C-alpha cells in the first residue's frame, strides 16, 4: 500500500512539474521500498538514540536506532535512522509517523537510500596528523 501511494505521488508531482514521468525516480522508489531502514528527518536536538528507538518500537522490532551527531561537537544533526527487522514494520512506521510530531517537532520519514558516488569533498576521507609541512610523511 505504501508503495502504491509513493509511486502515485511521484507520478502526480512529475506530471504537474514538467508533464513527464521520472522513470529513474520510480525505479529508485521501487528499490527503496524493499528496505527495512528508514531515514528520520527534522528531529529535535534533544532526541537521542533511545528516545528514537522508543518512538518507533511500537511498529515492530527495531534492530538499530541512531541519531546522527556532529563529529566535533557531539550535538545532534537533526536526523537519524531506524532499522527494522522486517519490511512490513518499516512500511507501517513510515505510514504512521511521516509528518507526525516527535518531541515537539514534525518529523519526515522516508526509506533510507544507500550512499553512492564519491565523497562530498576531496578531504572527507583524509585523516592526517595536523602537520602540513611534510614532516612525518
Protein backbone atom coordinates (compact mmCIF):
# COMPACT_ATOMS: atom_id res chain seq x y z
CA UNK A 1 0.00 0.00 0.00
CA UNK A 2 2.80 2.44 0.89
CA UNK A 3 4.46 1.59 -2.39
CA UNK A 4 1.35 2.49 -4.40
CA UNK A 5 0.98 5.76 -2.51
CA UNK A 6 4.64 6.67 -3.08
CA UNK A 7 4.53 5.77 -6.77
CA UNK A 8 1.30 7.71 -7.26
CA UNK A 9 2.67 10.82 -5.58
CA UNK A 10 5.85 10.67 -7.71
CA UNK A 11 3.84 10.43 -10.91
CA UNK A 12 1.47 13.25 -9.89
CA UNK A 13 4.35 15.50 -8.83
CA UNK A 14 6.32 14.90 -12.01
CA UNK A 15 3.37 15.41 -14.34
CA UNK A 16 2.44 18.65 -12.61
CA UNK A 17 6.04 19.94 -12.90
CA UNK A 18 7.04 19.03 -16.42
CA UNK A 19 4.50 16.68 -17.95
CA UNK A 20 6.82 13.66 -17.84
CA UNK A 21 7.07 10.63 -15.60
CA UNK A 22 10.52 10.26 -13.94
CA UNK A 23 11.48 6.67 -14.67
CA UNK A 24 14.68 6.89 -12.61
CA UNK A 25 12.80 8.21 -9.58
CA UNK A 26 10.20 5.47 -9.86
CA UNK A 27 12.85 2.75 -10.17
CA UNK A 28 14.71 4.18 -7.19
CA UNK A 29 11.49 4.19 -5.17
CA UNK A 30 10.84 0.59 -6.08
CA UNK A 31 14.37 -0.33 -4.96
CA UNK A 32 13.99 1.55 -1.70
CA UNK A 33 10.56 0.11 -0.97
CA UNK A 34 12.11 -3.28 -0.24
CA UNK A 35 14.15 -1.75 2.56
CA UNK A 36 13.62 -2.01 6.27
CA UNK A 37 15.77 1.05 7.08
CA UNK A 38 14.10 4.45 7.48
CA UNK A 39 15.50 7.96 7.38
CA UNK A 40 14.03 10.25 10.04
CA UNK A 41 14.48 13.98 9.41
CA UNK A 42 13.52 17.04 11.41
CA UNK A 43 14.41 15.56 14.79
CA UNK A 44 14.57 17.72 17.86
CA UNK A 45 18.12 18.31 19.06
CA UNK A 46 17.08 16.68 22.33
CA UNK A 47 16.26 13.35 20.65
CA UNK A 48 18.78 10.61 21.41
CA UNK A 49 19.15 7.02 20.23
CA UNK A 50 16.95 5.58 22.99
CA UNK A 51 14.08 8.05 22.56
CA UNK A 52 14.16 7.45 18.79
CA UNK A 53 14.01 3.68 19.40
CA UNK A 54 11.13 4.13 21.85
CA UNK A 55 9.15 6.25 19.38
CA UNK A 56 9.35 3.61 16.65
CA UNK A 57 9.31 0.37 18.62
CA UNK A 58 5.52 0.12 18.61
CA UNK A 59 5.62 -0.67 14.87
CA UNK A 60 7.85 -3.73 15.17
CA UNK A 61 11.25 -4.94 16.28
CA UNK A 62 13.80 -2.14 15.97
CA UNK A 63 17.24 -3.54 15.14
CA UNK A 64 19.05 -0.20 15.41
CA UNK A 65 18.05 3.38 16.05
CA UNK A 66 20.72 6.03 15.65
CA UNK A 67 20.65 9.82 15.80
CA UNK A 68 23.48 11.25 13.69
CA UNK A 69 25.69 13.62 15.65
CA UNK A 70 28.29 16.18 14.68
CA UNK A 71 31.77 14.69 14.89
CA UNK A 72 33.30 17.77 16.53
CA UNK A 73 30.58 18.96 18.92
CA UNK A 74 28.67 15.73 19.59
CA UNK A 75 25.43 17.65 19.03
CA UNK A 76 22.59 16.07 17.06
CA UNK A 77 22.47 16.99 13.38
CA UNK A 78 18.66 16.73 13.40
CA UNK A 79 18.27 13.41 11.60
CA UNK A 80 18.70 9.72 12.20
CA UNK A 81 18.00 6.20 11.02
CA UNK A 82 15.79 3.40 12.30
CA UNK A 83 16.35 -0.13 11.02
CA UNK A 84 13.54 -2.65 11.49
CA UNK A 85 13.72 -6.43 11.40
CA UNK A 86 11.04 -6.56 8.69
CA UNK A 87 9.95 -4.55 5.69
CA UNK A 88 6.34 -4.62 6.91
CA UNK A 89 7.28 -2.93 10.19
CA UNK A 90 9.22 -0.24 8.33
CA UNK A 91 6.31 0.35 5.97
CA UNK A 92 3.79 0.75 8.78
CA UNK A 93 6.14 3.06 10.71
CA UNK A 94 6.64 5.22 7.62
CA UNK A 95 2.90 5.49 7.01
CA UNK A 96 2.10 6.30 10.62
CA UNK A 97 4.99 8.59 11.59
CA UNK A 98 5.64 10.72 8.50
CA UNK A 99 4.52 14.26 9.35
CA UNK A 100 3.77 13.43 12.99
CA UNK A 101 5.17 15.28 16.00
CA UNK A 102 8.05 13.80 17.94
CA UNK A 103 9.32 15.79 20.92
CA UNK A 104 7.68 18.96 19.62
CA UNK A 105 8.94 18.71 16.03
CA UNK A 106 7.20 17.46 12.90
CA UNK A 107 9.36 14.64 11.53
CA UNK A 108 9.83 13.48 7.96
CA UNK A 109 10.09 9.73 7.47
CA UNK A 110 11.23 8.06 4.26
CA UNK A 111 13.08 4.98 3.16
CA UNK A 112 16.83 5.35 3.62
CA UNK A 113 18.90 5.29 0.47
CA UNK A 114 22.34 3.80 0.20
CA UNK A 115 25.06 6.36 -0.37
CA UNK A 116 26.63 6.04 -3.77
CA UNK A 117 29.23 8.01 -5.64
CA UNK A 118 32.29 9.91 -4.49
CA UNK A 119 32.62 11.64 -1.11
CA UNK A 120 31.09 15.10 -0.78
CA UNK A 121 34.52 16.73 -0.87
CA UNK A 122 38.09 15.69 -1.58
CA UNK A 123 39.04 15.74 2.10
CA UNK A 124 36.23 13.73 3.68
CA UNK A 125 38.35 10.56 3.97
CA UNK A 126 41.54 12.40 4.92
CA UNK A 127 42.94 11.69 8.36
CA UNK A 128 46.21 13.48 8.97
CA UNK A 129 48.35 14.34 11.93
CA UNK A 130 47.72 18.07 11.51
CA UNK A 131 51.29 18.63 10.39
CA UNK A 132 51.21 20.15 6.91
CA UNK A 133 54.90 20.78 6.38
CA UNK A 134 55.59 17.25 5.07
CA UNK A 135 57.15 16.07 8.33
CA UNK A 136 56.10 12.59 9.19
CA UNK A 137 55.08 11.66 5.64
